[in-house]
Amino acid sequence: MAVVFISPKQRQNMFFTGITVVVGLFLIVVASVVFFSQPKEVAQELVFNKPKVNINFEVLDSEQFKDLQSFSGMQMQFTYKATTKDGKDKEGYISAESIEKAEAMLTELGYTVTQIKEAATGRDNPFVDYKLVTSDELQKLLQGTQTEE
């Protein structure tokens, strides 16, 4: 029988200590290489690849291009008060590009324009609820219900 002077517990402890030291040294070397390394200098080169673009201007001379129609102007809405040839008062809305064109359209219809102005479209505050009743409308509603009784 051999005489062993190192106990198994001490041998195991020394084995784990050795592995820990080796792994620690490996991590220190890798960390120093990664953290202390400088980026390599790259030469700055300006590269311009001229694109090969050919514009075919013959399209502008084609019949399809000549038949294109330009966009019409934006139509605005106007309110008007006019009298007909019969002498009756007429009120309504008309859409045209300008107030002069709206008057011309009404005179073509045979109306004599007494008042024309741009209609107020949209809302002053777009974040107000549609069903919100103003104080003036509430007063009118209350007066209307009191007179009906």
Protein backbone atom coordinates (compact mmCIF):
# COMPACT_ATOMS: atom_id res chain seq x y z
CA MET A 1 0.00 0.00 0.00
CA ALA A 2 1.25 3.45 -1.00
CA VAL A 3 1.52 6.24 1.43
CA VAL A 4 -0.30 9.36 0.19
CA PHE A 5 0.59 12.63 1.88
CA ILE A 6 -2.06 14.79 0.03
CA SER A 7 -5.65 14.26 1.02
CA PRO A 8 -8.32 13.91 -1.72
CA LYS A 9 -10.11 17.02 -0.45
CA GLN A 10 -6.94 19.09 -0.78
CA ARG A 11 -6.25 17.66 -4.27
CA GLN A 12 -9.77 18.62 -5.43
CA ASN A 13 -9.38 22.09 -3.94
CA MET A 14 -6.07 22.59 -5.78
CA PHE A 15 -7.60 21.37 -9.07
CA PHE A 16 -10.47 23.90 -8.89
CA THR A 17 -8.07 26.68 -7.89
CA GLY A 18 -5.84 25.91 -10.90
CA ILE A 19 -8.77 25.91 -13.34
CA THR A 20 -10.07 29.19 -11.86
CA VAL A 21 -6.66 30.84 -12.24
CA VAL A 22 -6.30 29.64 -15.87
CA VAL A 23 -9.81 30.83 -16.83
CA GLY A 24 -9.24 34.16 -15.03
CA LEU A 25 -5.95 34.73 -16.86
CA PHE A 26 -7.61 33.85 -20.18
CA LEU A 27 -10.42 36.36 -19.53
CA ILE A 28 -7.94 39.08 -18.54
CA VAL A 29 -5.92 38.55 -21.73
CA VAL A 30 -9.04 38.59 -23.94
CA ALA A 31 -10.45 41.68 -22.19
CA SER A 32 -7.17 43.57 -22.54
CA VAL A 33 -6.97 42.71 -26.24
CA VAL A 34 -10.57 43.77 -26.87
CA PHE A 35 -10.72 46.92 -24.73
CA PHE A 36 -7.28 48.34 -25.43
CA SER A 37 -7.16 47.74 -29.17
CA GLN A 38 -7.53 50.75 -31.48
CA PRO A 39 -9.49 50.71 -34.75
CA LYS A 40 -7.44 50.53 -37.92
CA GLU A 41 -7.17 53.67 -40.01
CA VAL A 42 -9.02 53.32 -43.30
CA ALA A 43 -8.13 55.55 -46.20
CA GLN A 44 -10.96 57.87 -47.14
CA GLU A 45 -11.92 57.38 -50.76
CA LEU A 46 -14.59 59.31 -52.55
CA VAL A 47 -16.36 57.00 -54.91
CA PHE A 48 -18.91 58.37 -57.36
CA ASN A 49 -20.52 55.96 -59.74
CA LYS A 50 -22.23 58.00 -62.41
CA PRO A 51 -25.62 56.43 -63.08
CA LYS A 52 -26.45 55.58 -66.64
CA VAL A 53 -29.74 57.41 -67.14
CA ASN A 54 -31.27 58.06 -70.52
CA ILE A 55 -34.25 60.42 -70.68
CA ASN A 56 -36.56 59.87 -73.60
CA PHE A 57 -37.92 63.31 -74.52
CA GLU A 58 -39.82 61.89 -77.49
CA VAL A 59 -42.65 61.09 -75.07
CA LEU A 60 -43.43 64.83 -74.90
CA ASP A 61 -44.19 64.81 -78.62
CA SER A 62 -46.55 61.81 -78.49
CA GLU A 63 -50.31 62.08 -79.04
CA GLN A 64 -51.08 60.67 -75.57
CA PHE A 65 -49.14 63.49 -73.95
CA LYS A 66 -50.83 66.14 -76.07
CA ASP A 67 -54.29 64.81 -75.11
CA LEU A 68 -53.66 65.26 -71.35
CA GLN A 69 -55.89 67.78 -69.60
CA SER A 70 -54.69 70.04 -66.82
CA PHE A 71 -56.21 69.84 -63.37
CA SER A 72 -59.19 72.05 -62.72
CA GLY A 73 -58.93 74.70 -60.04
CA MET A 74 -60.18 74.05 -56.54
CA GLN A 75 -63.89 74.71 -56.23
CA MET A 76 -65.08 76.91 -53.36
CA GLN A 77 -68.62 77.04 -52.10
CA PHE A 78 -70.58 80.29 -52.05
CA THR A 79 -73.97 81.21 -50.62
CA TYR A 80 -76.14 83.48 -52.70
CA LYS A 81 -79.39 85.39 -52.59
CA ALA A 82 -80.88 86.20 -55.95
CA THR A 83 -84.15 86.99 -57.66
CA THR A 84 -85.46 85.04 -60.61
CA LYS A 85 -87.00 86.48 -63.78
CA ASP A 86 -90.40 85.88 -62.17
CA GLY A 87 -89.42 88.13 -59.23
CA LYS A 88 -89.14 85.31 -56.69
CA ASP A 89 -86.37 85.36 -54.10
CA LYS A 90 -83.98 82.41 -54.27
CA GLU A 91 -81.28 81.35 -51.79
CA GLY A 92 -78.77 78.55 -52.12
CA TYR A 93 -75.25 77.32 -52.56
CA ILE A 94 -73.09 77.29 -55.67
CA SER A 95 -69.59 75.91 -56.26
CA ALA A 96 -67.10 77.77 -58.44
CA GLU A 97 -63.40 78.59 -58.64
CA SER A 98 -63.93 82.26 -57.78
CA ILE A 99 -66.70 84.63 -56.75
CA GLU A 100 -66.72 86.20 -60.24
CA LYS A 101 -67.27 82.81 -61.89
CA ALA A 102 -70.05 82.05 -59.40
CA GLU A 103 -71.81 85.32 -60.33
CA ALA A 104 -71.39 84.56 -64.02
CA MET A 105 -72.91 81.09 -63.56
CA LEU A 106 -75.90 82.56 -61.71
CA THR A 107 -76.51 85.20 -64.37
CA GLU A 108 -76.38 82.46 -67.02
CA LEU A 109 -79.17 80.71 -65.11
CA GLY A 110 -81.22 83.92 -65.35
CA TYR A 111 -80.83 85.10 -61.76
CA THR A 112 -80.19 88.63 -60.63
CA VAL A 113 -77.66 88.34 -57.81
CA THR A 114 -78.38 90.50 -54.78
CA GLN A 115 -75.85 89.00 -52.37
CA ILE A 116 -73.06 86.44 -52.74
CA LYS A 117 -70.37 85.47 -50.25
CA GLU A 118 -68.08 82.56 -49.50
CA ALA A 119 -69.74 79.90 -47.37
CA ALA A 120 -68.21 79.22 -43.98
CA THR A 121 -67.10 75.62 -44.19
CA GLY A 122 -65.47 73.58 -41.49
CA ARG A 123 -65.37 74.33 -37.80
CA ASP A 124 -63.42 76.81 -35.74
CA ASN A 125 -62.27 74.16 -33.28
CA PRO A 126 -62.01 70.66 -34.78
CA PHE A 127 -61.62 69.08 -31.33
CA VAL A 128 -65.06 70.10 -30.08
CA ASP A 129 -67.68 67.36 -30.07
CA TYR A 130 -70.29 67.58 -32.85
CA LYS A 131 -73.17 67.17 -30.45
CA LEU A 132 -71.99 69.89 -28.08
CA VAL A 133 -74.77 72.42 -27.60
CA THR A 134 -73.74 76.06 -27.21
CA SER A 135 -75.40 78.37 -24.71
CA ASP A 136 -77.23 80.29 -27.47
CA GLU A 137 -78.64 77.07 -28.92
CA LEU A 138 -79.64 75.93 -25.42
CA GLN A 139 -81.53 79.20 -24.85
CA LYS A 140 -83.35 78.78 -28.18
CA LEU A 141 -84.23 75.19 -27.31
CA LEU A 142 -85.54 76.19 -23.90
CA GLN A 143 -87.58 79.05 -25.34
CA GLY A 144 -89.00 76.74 -28.01
CA THR A 145 -90.17 74.18 -25.42
CA GLN A 146 -91.74 76.89 -23.22
CA THR A 147 -93.75 78.38 -26.10
CA GLU A 148 -95.06 74.96 -27.19
CA GLU A 149 -96.63 74.31 -23.78
